[in-house]
Amino acid sequence: MPHAIWNGAVIADAADDQVERVEGNIYFPRSAVRTEYLKDSATHTVCVWKGTCSYYDVVVDGQINRDAAWYYPDTKPEAKHVEDRIAFWKGVQVYS
């Protein structure tokens, strides 16, 4: 069962068949993420095959991990399987 943990808090938890694995990252469905730990970020990047990526800061116990979660709100057709799913990095431990 994949889960994401940062600063002692479980941020995401999902069954294996609910996540998408792409390029070594686990994309959680939004329903499996505890969004109270996410704060909108102004950061955006572009992936040539997925589209424009948006970010969240992960905030736990007043500590901020800037841009530690990302998602694609409107993907290109070939990446629809990760659209609006959330992935993590920057020290967020993701276990599968």
PDB file of N, CA and C in Angstrom:
ATOM      1  N   MET A   1       0.853  -1.178   0.000  1.00  0.00           N
ATOM      2  CA  MET A   1       0.000   0.000   0.000  1.00  0.00           C
ATOM      3  C   MET A   1       0.899   1.241   0.000  1.00  0.00           C
ATOM      4  N   PRO A   2       0.925   2.001  -1.064  1.00  0.00           N
ATOM      5  CA  PRO A   2       1.751   3.207  -1.115  1.00  0.00           C
ATOM      6  C   PRO A   2       1.274   4.287  -0.140  1.00  0.00           C
ATOM      7  N   HIS A   3       2.256   4.953   0.458  1.00  0.00           N
ATOM      8  CA  HIS A   3       1.943   6.088   1.314  1.00  0.00           C
ATOM      9  C   HIS A   3       3.083   7.091   1.270  1.00  0.00           C
ATOM     10  N   ALA A   4       2.764   8.335   1.616  1.00  0.00           N
ATOM     11  CA  ALA A   4       3.738   9.424   1.627  1.00  0.00           C
ATOM     12  C   ALA A   4       3.758  10.031   3.028  1.00  0.00           C
ATOM     13  N   ILE A   5       4.975  10.207   3.572  1.00  0.00           N
ATOM     14  CA  ILE A   5       5.133  10.723   4.931  1.00  0.00           C
ATOM     15  C   ILE A   5       6.160  11.852   4.920  1.00  0.00           C
ATOM     16  N   TRP A   6       5.840  12.916   5.649  1.00  0.00           N
ATOM     17  CA  TRP A   6       6.816  13.988   5.850  1.00  0.00           C
ATOM     18  C   TRP A   6       6.628  14.566   7.244  1.00  0.00           C
ATOM     19  N   ASN A   7       7.733  14.781   7.915  1.00  0.00           N
ATOM     20  CA  ASN A   7       7.724  15.400   9.242  1.00  0.00           C
ATOM     21  C   ASN A   7       6.804  14.634  10.203  1.00  0.00           C
ATOM     22  N   GLY A   8       6.770  13.303  10.044  1.00  0.00           N
ATOM     23  CA  GLY A   8       5.987  12.453  10.926  1.00  0.00           C
ATOM     24  C   GLY A   8       4.515  12.332  10.585  1.00  0.00           C
ATOM     25  N   ALA A   9       4.055  13.005   9.569  1.00  0.00           N
ATOM     26  CA  ALA A   9       2.633  12.963   9.201  1.00  0.00           C
ATOM     27  C   ALA A   9       2.430  12.130   7.933  1.00  0.00           C
ATOM     28  N   VAL A  10       1.403  11.308   7.947  1.00  0.00           N
ATOM     29  CA  VAL A  10       1.017  10.571   6.732  1.00  0.00           C
ATOM     30  C   VAL A  10       0.204  11.532   5.875  1.00  0.00           C
ATOM     31  N   ILE A  11       0.750  11.862   4.714  1.00  0.00           N
ATOM     32  CA  ILE A  11       0.120  12.832   3.821  1.00  0.00           C
ATOM     33  C   ILE A  11      -0.774  12.140   2.793  1.00  0.00           C
ATOM     34  N   ALA A  12      -0.387  10.941   2.382  1.00  0.00           N
ATOM     35  CA  ALA A  12      -1.170  10.194   1.397  1.00  0.00           C
ATOM     36  C   ALA A  12      -1.073   8.710   1.689  1.00  0.00           C
ATOM     37  N   ASP A  13      -2.146   8.003   1.383  1.00  0.00           N
ATOM     38  CA  ASP A  13      -2.221   6.579   1.628  1.00  0.00           C
ATOM     39  C   ASP A  13      -3.230   6.001   0.650  1.00  0.00           C
ATOM     40  N   ALA A  14      -2.823   5.008  -0.146  1.00  0.00           N
ATOM     41  CA  ALA A  14      -3.727   4.450  -1.160  1.00  0.00           C
ATOM     42  C   ALA A  14      -3.380   2.999  -1.435  1.00  0.00           C
ATOM     43  N   ALA A  15      -4.344   2.270  -1.926  1.00  0.00           N
ATOM     44  CA  ALA A  15      -4.113   0.892  -2.360  1.00  0.00           C
ATOM     45  C   ALA A  15      -3.285   0.890  -3.643  1.00  0.00           C
ATOM     46  N   ASP A  16      -2.573  -0.195  -3.870  1.00  0.00           N
ATOM     47  CA  ASP A  16      -1.729  -0.315  -5.068  1.00  0.00           C
ATOM     48  C   ASP A  16      -2.488  -0.052  -6.353  1.00  0.00           C
ATOM     49  N   ASP A  17      -3.719  -0.538  -6.434  1.00  0.00           N
ATOM     50  CA  ASP A  17      -4.475  -0.389  -7.676  1.00  0.00           C
ATOM     51  C   ASP A  17      -5.089   1.000  -7.856  1.00  0.00           C
ATOM     52  N   GLN A  18      -4.873   1.899  -6.898  1.00  0.00           N
ATOM     53  CA  GLN A  18      -5.401   3.261  -7.002  1.00  0.00           C
ATOM     54  C   GLN A  18      -4.352   4.268  -7.464  1.00  0.00           C
ATOM     55  N   VAL A  19      -3.090   3.891  -7.453  1.00  0.00           N
ATOM     56  CA  VAL A  19      -2.030   4.832  -7.821  1.00  0.00           C
ATOM     57  C   VAL A  19      -1.548   4.575  -9.236  1.00  0.00           C
ATOM     58  N   GLU A  20      -0.906   5.584  -9.800  1.00  0.00           N
ATOM     59  CA  GLU A  20      -0.251   5.464 -11.101  1.00  0.00           C
ATOM     60  C   GLU A  20       1.249   5.644 -10.877  1.00  0.00           C
ATOM     61  N   ARG A  21       2.031   4.786 -11.491  1.00  0.00           N
ATOM     62  CA  ARG A  21       3.482   4.882 -11.390  1.00  0.00           C
ATOM     63  C   ARG A  21       4.025   5.359 -12.733  1.00  0.00           C
ATOM     64  N   VAL A  22       4.703   6.501 -12.713  1.00  0.00           N
ATOM     65  CA  VAL A  22       5.235   7.088 -13.942  1.00  0.00           C
ATOM     66  C   VAL A  22       6.621   7.650 -13.652  1.00  0.00           C
ATOM     67  N   GLU A  23       7.584   7.225 -14.447  1.00  0.00           N
ATOM     68  CA  GLU A  23       8.950   7.750 -14.361  1.00  0.00           C
ATOM     69  C   GLU A  23       9.510   7.686 -12.938  1.00  0.00           C
ATOM     70  N   GLY A  24       9.234   6.583 -12.240  1.00  0.00           N
ATOM     71  CA  GLY A  24       9.749   6.394 -10.893  1.00  0.00           C
ATOM     72  C   GLY A  24       8.994   7.131  -9.798  1.00  0.00           C
ATOM     73  N   ASN A  25       7.910   7.806 -10.141  1.00  0.00           N
ATOM     74  CA  ASN A  25       7.097   8.534  -9.162  1.00  0.00           C
ATOM     75  C   ASN A  25       5.751   7.849  -8.992  1.00  0.00           C
ATOM     76  N   ILE A  26       5.194   7.979  -7.783  1.00  0.00           N
ATOM     77  CA  ILE A  26       3.867   7.448  -7.493  1.00  0.00           C
ATOM     78  C   ILE A  26       2.901   8.618  -7.451  1.00  0.00           C
ATOM     79  N   TYR A  27       1.884   8.563  -8.295  1.00  0.00           N
ATOM     80  CA  TYR A  27       0.847   9.589  -8.357  1.00  0.00           C
ATOM     81  C   TYR A  27      -0.390   9.076  -7.617  1.00  0.00           C
ATOM     82  N   PHE A  28      -0.724   9.750  -6.524  1.00  0.00           N
ATOM     83  CA  PHE A  28      -1.864   9.375  -5.695  1.00  0.00           C
ATOM     84  C   PHE A  28      -3.136  10.051  -6.202  1.00  0.00           C
ATOM     85  N   PRO A  29      -4.277   9.347  -6.115  1.00  0.00           N
ATOM     86  CA  PRO A  29      -5.530  10.038  -6.423  1.00  0.00           C
ATOM     87  C   PRO A  29      -5.763  11.116  -5.357  1.00  0.00           C
ATOM     88  N   ARG A  30      -6.345  12.209  -5.746  1.00  0.00           N
ATOM     89  CA  ARG A  30      -6.593  13.324  -4.816  1.00  0.00           C
ATOM     90  C   ARG A  30      -7.356  12.847  -3.577  1.00  0.00           C
ATOM     91  N   SER A  31      -8.261  11.895  -3.748  1.00  0.00           N
ATOM     92  CA  SER A  31      -9.062  11.397  -2.623  1.00  0.00           C
ATOM     93  C   SER A  31      -8.220  10.661  -1.574  1.00  0.00           C
ATOM     94  N   ALA A  32      -6.997  10.256  -1.922  1.00  0.00           N
ATOM     95  CA  ALA A  32      -6.119   9.538  -0.999  1.00  0.00           C
ATOM     96  C   ALA A  32      -5.138  10.471  -0.281  1.00  0.00           C
ATOM     97  N   VAL A  33      -5.213  11.760  -0.583  1.00  0.00           N
ATOM     98  CA  VAL A  33      -4.273  12.736  -0.027  1.00  0.00           C
ATOM     99  C   VAL A  33      -4.964  13.579   1.033  1.00  0.00           C
ATOM    100  N   ARG A  34      -4.295  13.770   2.134  1.00  0.00           N
ATOM    101  CA  ARG A  34      -4.829  14.631   3.205  1.00  0.00           C
ATOM    102  C   ARG A  34      -4.486  16.078   2.841  1.00  0.00           C
ATOM    103  N   THR A  35      -5.411  16.710   2.153  1.00  0.00           N
ATOM    104  CA  THR A  35      -5.158  18.033   1.585  1.00  0.00           C
ATOM    105  C   THR A  35      -4.988  19.124   2.632  1.00  0.00           C
ATOM    106  N   GLU A  36      -5.313  18.847   3.889  1.00  0.00           N
ATOM    107  CA  GLU A  36      -5.064  19.849   4.926  1.00  0.00           C
ATOM    108  C   GLU A  36      -3.566  20.117   5.105  1.00  0.00           C
ATOM    109  N   TYR A  37      -2.718  19.214   4.571  1.00  0.00           N
ATOM    110  CA  TYR A  37      -1.271  19.415   4.634  1.00  0.00           C
ATOM    111  C   TYR A  37      -0.726  20.136   3.397  1.00  0.00           C
ATOM    112  N   LEU A  38      -1.583  20.481   2.458  1.00  0.00           N
ATOM    113  CA  LEU A  38      -1.137  21.114   1.209  1.00  0.00           C
ATOM    114  C   LEU A  38      -1.550  22.574   1.155  1.00  0.00           C
ATOM    115  N   LYS A  39      -0.640  23.403   0.655  1.00  0.00           N
ATOM    116  CA  LYS A  39      -0.921  24.825   0.463  1.00  0.00           C
ATOM    117  C   LYS A  39      -0.511  25.182  -0.963  1.00  0.00           C
ATOM    118  N   ASP A  40      -1.389  25.868  -1.685  1.00  0.00           N
ATOM    119  CA  ASP A  40      -1.085  26.245  -3.072  1.00  0.00           C
ATOM    120  C   ASP A  40       0.244  26.979  -3.165  1.00  0.00           C
ATOM    121  N   SER A  41       0.978  26.675  -4.223  1.00  0.00           N
ATOM    122  CA  SER A  41       2.232  27.344  -4.536  1.00  0.00           C
ATOM    123  C   SER A  41       2.055  28.089  -5.859  1.00  0.00           C
ATOM    124  N   ALA A  42       2.825  29.129  -6.042  1.00  0.00           N
ATOM    125  CA  ALA A  42       2.771  29.881  -7.297  1.00  0.00           C
ATOM    126  C   ALA A  42       3.664  29.257  -8.373  1.00  0.00           C
ATOM    127  N   THR A  43       4.371  28.189  -8.033  1.00  0.00           N
ATOM    128  CA  THR A  43       5.312  27.560  -8.960  1.00  0.00           C
ATOM    129  C   THR A  43       4.590  26.737 -10.019  1.00  0.00           C
ATOM    130  N   HIS A  44       5.062  26.852 -11.249  1.00  0.00           N
ATOM    131  CA  HIS A  44       4.574  26.048 -12.369  1.00  0.00           C
ATOM    132  C   HIS A  44       5.762  25.687 -13.244  1.00  0.00           C
ATOM    133  N   THR A  45       5.748  24.490 -13.788  1.00  0.00           N
ATOM    134  CA  THR A  45       6.755  24.059 -14.750  1.00  0.00           C
ATOM    135  C   THR A  45       6.024  23.389 -15.911  1.00  0.00           C
ATOM    136  N   VAL A  46       6.763  23.040 -16.955  1.00  0.00           N
ATOM    137  CA  VAL A  46       6.147  22.395 -18.109  1.00  0.00           C
ATOM    138  C   VAL A  46       6.916  21.120 -18.448  1.00  0.00           C
ATOM    139  N   CYS A  47       6.168  20.045 -18.609  1.00  0.00           N
ATOM    140  CA  CYS A  47       6.722  18.774 -19.082  1.00  0.00           C
ATOM    141  C   CYS A  47       6.288  18.630 -20.540  1.00  0.00           C
ATOM    142  N   VAL A  48       7.216  18.234 -21.399  1.00  0.00           N
ATOM    143  CA  VAL A  48       6.891  18.179 -22.828  1.00  0.00           C
ATOM    144  C   VAL A  48       5.792  17.182 -23.159  1.00  0.00           C
ATOM    145  N   TRP A  49       5.649  16.111 -22.390  1.00  0.00           N
ATOM    146  CA  TRP A  49       4.616  15.141 -22.742  1.00  0.00           C
ATOM    147  C   TRP A  49       3.418  15.142 -21.791  1.00  0.00           C
ATOM    148  N   LYS A  50       3.560  15.731 -20.593  1.00  0.00           N
ATOM    149  CA  LYS A  50       2.428  15.760 -19.654  1.00  0.00           C
ATOM    150  C   LYS A  50       1.703  17.099 -19.646  1.00  0.00           C
ATOM    151  N   GLY A  51       2.423  18.185 -19.857  1.00  0.00           N
ATOM    152  CA  GLY A  51       1.794  19.501 -19.855  1.00  0.00           C
ATOM    153  C   GLY A  51       2.284  20.379 -18.721  1.00  0.00           C
ATOM    154  N   THR A  52       1.489  21.360 -18.327  1.00  0.00           N
ATOM    155  CA  THR A  52       1.867  22.313 -17.284  1.00  0.00           C
ATOM    156  C   THR A  52       1.595  21.708 -15.911  1.00  0.00           C
ATOM    157  N   CYS A  53       2.608  21.780 -15.077  1.00  0.00           N
ATOM    158  CA  CYS A  53       2.575  21.209 -13.742  1.00  0.00           C
ATOM    159  C   CYS A  53       2.396  22.322 -12.710  1.00  0.00           C
ATOM    160  N   SER A  54       1.558  22.064 -11.721  1.00  0.00           N
ATOM    161  CA  SER A  54       1.362  22.983 -10.604  1.00  0.00           C
ATOM    162  C   SER A  54       1.893  22.325  -9.333  1.00  0.00           C
ATOM    163  N   TYR A  55       2.208  23.136  -8.327  1.00  0.00           N
ATOM    164  CA  TYR A  55       2.831  22.635  -7.108  1.00  0.00           C
ATOM    165  C   TYR A  55       2.067  23.036  -5.861  1.00  0.00           C
ATOM    166  N   TYR A  56       2.317  22.280  -4.800  1.00  0.00           N
ATOM    167  CA  TYR A  56       1.854  22.603  -3.458  1.00  0.00           C
ATOM    168  C   TYR A  56       3.055  22.620  -2.522  1.00  0.00           C
ATOM    169  N   ASP A  57       3.001  23.480  -1.523  1.00  0.00           N
ATOM    170  CA  ASP A  57       3.898  23.365  -0.392  1.00  0.00           C
ATOM    171  C   ASP A  57       3.267  22.334   0.531  1.00  0.00           C
ATOM    172  N   VAL A  58       4.101  21.523   1.177  1.00  0.00           N
ATOM    173  CA  VAL A  58       3.615  20.593   2.188  1.00  0.00           C
ATOM    174  C   VAL A  58       3.887  21.245   3.547  1.00  0.00           C
ATOM    175  N   VAL A  59       2.858  21.375   4.365  1.00  0.00           N
ATOM    176  CA  VAL A  59       2.972  22.069   5.649  1.00  0.00           C
ATOM    177  C   VAL A  59       2.523  21.127   6.764  1.00  0.00           C
ATOM    178  N   VAL A  60       3.452  20.843   7.690  1.00  0.00           N
ATOM    179  CA  VAL A  60       3.167  19.963   8.831  1.00  0.00           C
ATOM    180  C   VAL A  60       3.736  20.599  10.087  1.00  0.00           C
ATOM    181  N   ASP A  61       2.920  20.776  11.076  1.00  0.00           N
ATOM    182  CA  ASP A  61       3.346  21.347  12.363  1.00  0.00           C
ATOM    183  C   ASP A  61       4.094  22.666  12.187  1.00  0.00           C
ATOM    184  N   GLY A  62       3.615  23.495  11.276  1.00  0.00           N
ATOM    185  CA  GLY A  62       4.208  24.803  11.057  1.00  0.00           C
ATOM    186  C   GLY A  62       5.466  24.805  10.209  1.00  0.00           C
ATOM    187  N   GLN A  63       5.971  23.627   9.853  1.00  0.00           N
ATOM    188  CA  GLN A  63       7.148  23.545   8.981  1.00  0.00           C
ATOM    189  C   GLN A  63       6.685  23.428   7.533  1.00  0.00           C
ATOM    190  N   ILE A  64       7.383  24.141   6.653  1.00  0.00           N
ATOM    191  CA  ILE A  64       6.989  24.212   5.242  1.00  0.00           C
ATOM    192  C   ILE A  64       8.040  23.544   4.367  1.00  0.00           C
ATOM    193  N   ASN A  65       7.612  22.633   3.535  1.00  0.00           N
ATOM    194  CA  ASN A  65       8.458  22.001   2.535  1.00  0.00           C
ATOM    195  C   ASN A  65       7.964  22.530   1.192  1.00  0.00           C
ATOM    196  N   ARG A  66       8.634  23.545   0.688  1.00  0.00           N
ATOM    197  CA  ARG A  66       8.180  24.274  -0.494  1.00  0.00           C
ATOM    198  C   ARG A  66       8.190  23.406  -1.757  1.00  0.00           C
ATOM    199  N   ASP A  67       7.081  23.472  -2.472  1.00  0.00           N
ATOM    200  CA  ASP A  67       6.939  22.783  -3.764  1.00  0.00           C
ATOM    201  C   ASP A  67       7.222  21.286  -3.675  1.00  0.00           C
ATOM    202  N   ALA A  68       6.888  20.671  -2.555  1.00  0.00           N
ATOM    203  CA  ALA A  68       7.189  19.257  -2.339  1.00  0.00           C
ATOM    204  C   ALA A  68       6.134  18.313  -2.915  1.00  0.00           C
ATOM    205  N   ALA A  69       5.040  18.868  -3.412  1.00  0.00           N
ATOM    206  CA  ALA A  69       4.008  18.047  -4.066  1.00  0.00           C
ATOM    207  C   ALA A  69       3.672  18.697  -5.407  1.00  0.00           C
ATOM    208  N   TRP A  70       3.372  17.865  -6.382  1.00  0.00           N
ATOM    209  CA  TRP A  70       3.011  18.426  -7.690  1.00  0.00           C
ATOM    210  C   TRP A  70       1.879  17.637  -8.323  1.00  0.00           C
ATOM    211  N   TYR A  71       1.239  18.306  -9.288  1.00  0.00           N
ATOM    212  CA  TYR A  71       0.131  17.675 -10.018  1.00  0.00           C
ATOM    213  C   TYR A  71      -0.039  18.378 -11.361  1.00  0.00           C
ATOM    214  N   TYR A  72      -0.722  17.703 -12.254  1.00  0.00           N
ATOM    215  CA  TYR A  72      -1.040  18.237 -13.580  1.00  0.00           C
ATOM    216  C   TYR A  72      -2.548  18.425 -13.660  1.00  0.00           C
ATOM    217  N   PRO A  73      -3.048  19.651 -13.536  1.00  0.00           N
ATOM    218  CA  PRO A  73      -4.495  19.862 -13.528  1.00  0.00           C
ATOM    219  C   PRO A  73      -5.175  19.603 -14.873  1.00  0.00           C
ATOM    220  N   ASP A  74      -4.424  19.743 -15.958  1.00  0.00           N
ATOM    221  CA  ASP A  74      -4.989  19.561 -17.296  1.00  0.00           C
ATOM    222  C   ASP A  74      -3.889  19.032 -18.202  1.00  0.00           C
ATOM    223  N   THR A  75      -3.783  17.714 -18.289  1.00  0.00           N
ATOM    224  CA  THR A  75      -2.672  17.102 -19.012  1.00  0.00           C
ATOM    225  C   THR A  75      -2.885  17.074 -20.522  1.00  0.00           C
ATOM    226  N   LYS A  76      -1.802  16.775 -21.205  1.00  0.00           N
ATOM    227  CA  LYS A  76      -1.890  16.453 -22.627  1.00  0.00           C
ATOM    228  C   LYS A  76      -2.545  15.076 -22.742  1.00  0.00           C
ATOM    229  N   PRO A  77      -3.108  14.737 -23.907  1.00  0.00           N
ATOM    230  CA  PRO A  77      -3.858  13.479 -24.046  1.00  0.00           C
ATOM    231  C   PRO A  77      -3.097  12.222 -23.608  1.00  0.00           C
ATOM    232  N   GLU A  78      -1.808  12.156 -23.877  1.00  0.00           N
ATOM    233  CA  GLU A  78      -1.049  10.947 -23.546  1.00  0.00           C
ATOM    234  C   GLU A  78      -0.771  10.784 -22.044  1.00  0.00           C
ATOM    235  N   ALA A  79      -1.116  11.776 -21.247  1.00  0.00           N
ATOM    236  CA  ALA A  79      -0.865  11.712 -19.799  1.00  0.00           C
ATOM    237  C   ALA A  79      -2.151  11.781 -18.975  1.00  0.00           C
ATOM    238  N   LYS A  80      -3.284  11.529 -19.579  1.00  0.00           N
ATOM    239  CA  LYS A  80      -4.561  11.625 -18.856  1.00  0.00           C
ATOM    240  C   LYS A  80      -4.601  10.742 -17.604  1.00  0.00           C
ATOM    241  N   HIS A  81      -3.835   9.653 -17.586  1.00  0.00           N
ATOM    242  CA  HIS A  81      -3.841   8.745 -16.440  1.00  0.00           C
ATOM    243  C   HIS A  81      -3.234   9.367 -15.175  1.00  0.00           C
ATOM    244  N   VAL A  82      -2.529  10.504 -15.293  1.00  0.00           N
ATOM    245  CA  VAL A  82      -1.998  11.190 -14.103  1.00  0.00           C
ATOM    246  C   VAL A  82      -2.677  12.536 -13.845  1.00  0.00           C
ATOM    247  N   GLU A  83      -3.632  12.891 -14.668  1.00  0.00           N
ATOM    248  CA  GLU A  83      -4.297  14.184 -14.508  1.00  0.00           C
ATOM    249  C   GLU A  83      -4.914  14.327 -13.112  1.00  0.00           C
ATOM    250  N   ASP A  84      -4.581  15.412 -12.469  1.00  0.00           N
ATOM    251  CA  ASP A  84      -5.081  15.796 -11.145  1.00  0.00           C
ATOM    252  C   ASP A  84      -4.690  14.814 -10.035  1.00  0.00           C
ATOM    253  N   ARG A  85      -3.723  13.964 -10.286  1.00  0.00           N
ATOM    254  CA  ARG A  85      -3.157  13.101  -9.250  1.00  0.00           C
ATOM    255  C   ARG A  85      -1.958  13.824  -8.647  1.00  0.00           C
ATOM    256  N   ILE A  86      -1.613  13.495  -7.415  1.00  0.00           N
ATOM    257  CA  ILE A  86      -0.582  14.226  -6.691  1.00  0.00           C
ATOM    258  C   ILE A  86       0.612  13.319  -6.411  1.00  0.00           C
ATOM    259  N   ALA A  87       1.806  13.831  -6.703  1.00  0.00           N
ATOM    260  CA  ALA A  87       3.055  13.120  -6.431  1.00  0.00           C
ATOM    261  C   ALA A  87       3.915  13.980  -5.494  1.00  0.00           C
ATOM    262  N   PHE A  88       4.942  13.359  -4.915  1.00  0.00           N
ATOM    263  CA  PHE A  88       5.747  14.037  -3.898  1.00  0.00           C
ATOM    264  C   PHE A  88       7.242  13.850  -4.143  1.00  0.00           C
ATOM    265  N   TRP A  89       8.014  14.784  -3.604  1.00  0.00           N
ATOM    266  CA  TRP A  89       9.483  14.729  -3.629  1.00  0.00           C
ATOM    267  C   TRP A  89      10.006  15.648  -2.538  1.00  0.00           C
ATOM    268  N   LYS A  90      11.286  16.058  -2.641  1.00  0.00           N
ATOM    269  CA  LYS A  90      11.911  16.985  -1.703  1.00  0.00           C
ATOM    270  C   LYS A  90      11.829  16.513  -0.250  1.00  0.00           C
ATOM    271  N   GLY A  91      12.215  15.263  -0.043  1.00  0.00           N
ATOM    272  CA  GLY A  91      12.258  14.757   1.312  1.00  0.00           C
ATOM    273  C   GLY A  91      10.999  14.082   1.804  1.00  0.00           C
ATOM    274  N   VAL A  92       9.912  14.172   1.043  1.00  0.00           N
ATOM    275  CA  VAL A  92       8.707  13.419   1.403  1.00  0.00           C
ATOM    276  C   VAL A  92       9.016  11.955   1.102  1.00  0.00           C
ATOM    277  N   GLN A  93       8.917  11.110   2.111  1.00  0.00           N
ATOM    278  CA  GLN A  93       9.187   9.691   1.938  1.00  0.00           C
ATOM    279  C   GLN A  93       7.973   9.007   1.327  1.00  0.00           C
ATOM    280  N   VAL A  94       8.173   8.411   0.159  1.00  0.00           N
ATOM    281  CA  VAL A  94       7.079   7.701  -0.517  1.00  0.00           C
ATOM    282  C   VAL A  94       7.437   6.222  -0.528  1.00  0.00           C
ATOM    283  N   TYR A  95       6.591   5.429   0.088  1.00  0.00           N
ATOM    284  CA  TYR A  95       6.796   3.981   0.188  1.00  0.00           C
ATOM    285  C   TYR A  95       5.723   3.291  -0.611  1.00  0.00           C
ATOM    286  N   SER A  96       6.132   2.160  -1.222  1.00  0.00           N
ATOM    287  CA  SER A  96       5.113   1.397  -1.950  1.00  0.00           C
ATOM    288  C   SER A  96       5.096  -0.043  -1.511  1.00  0.00           C
TER     289      SER A  96
END
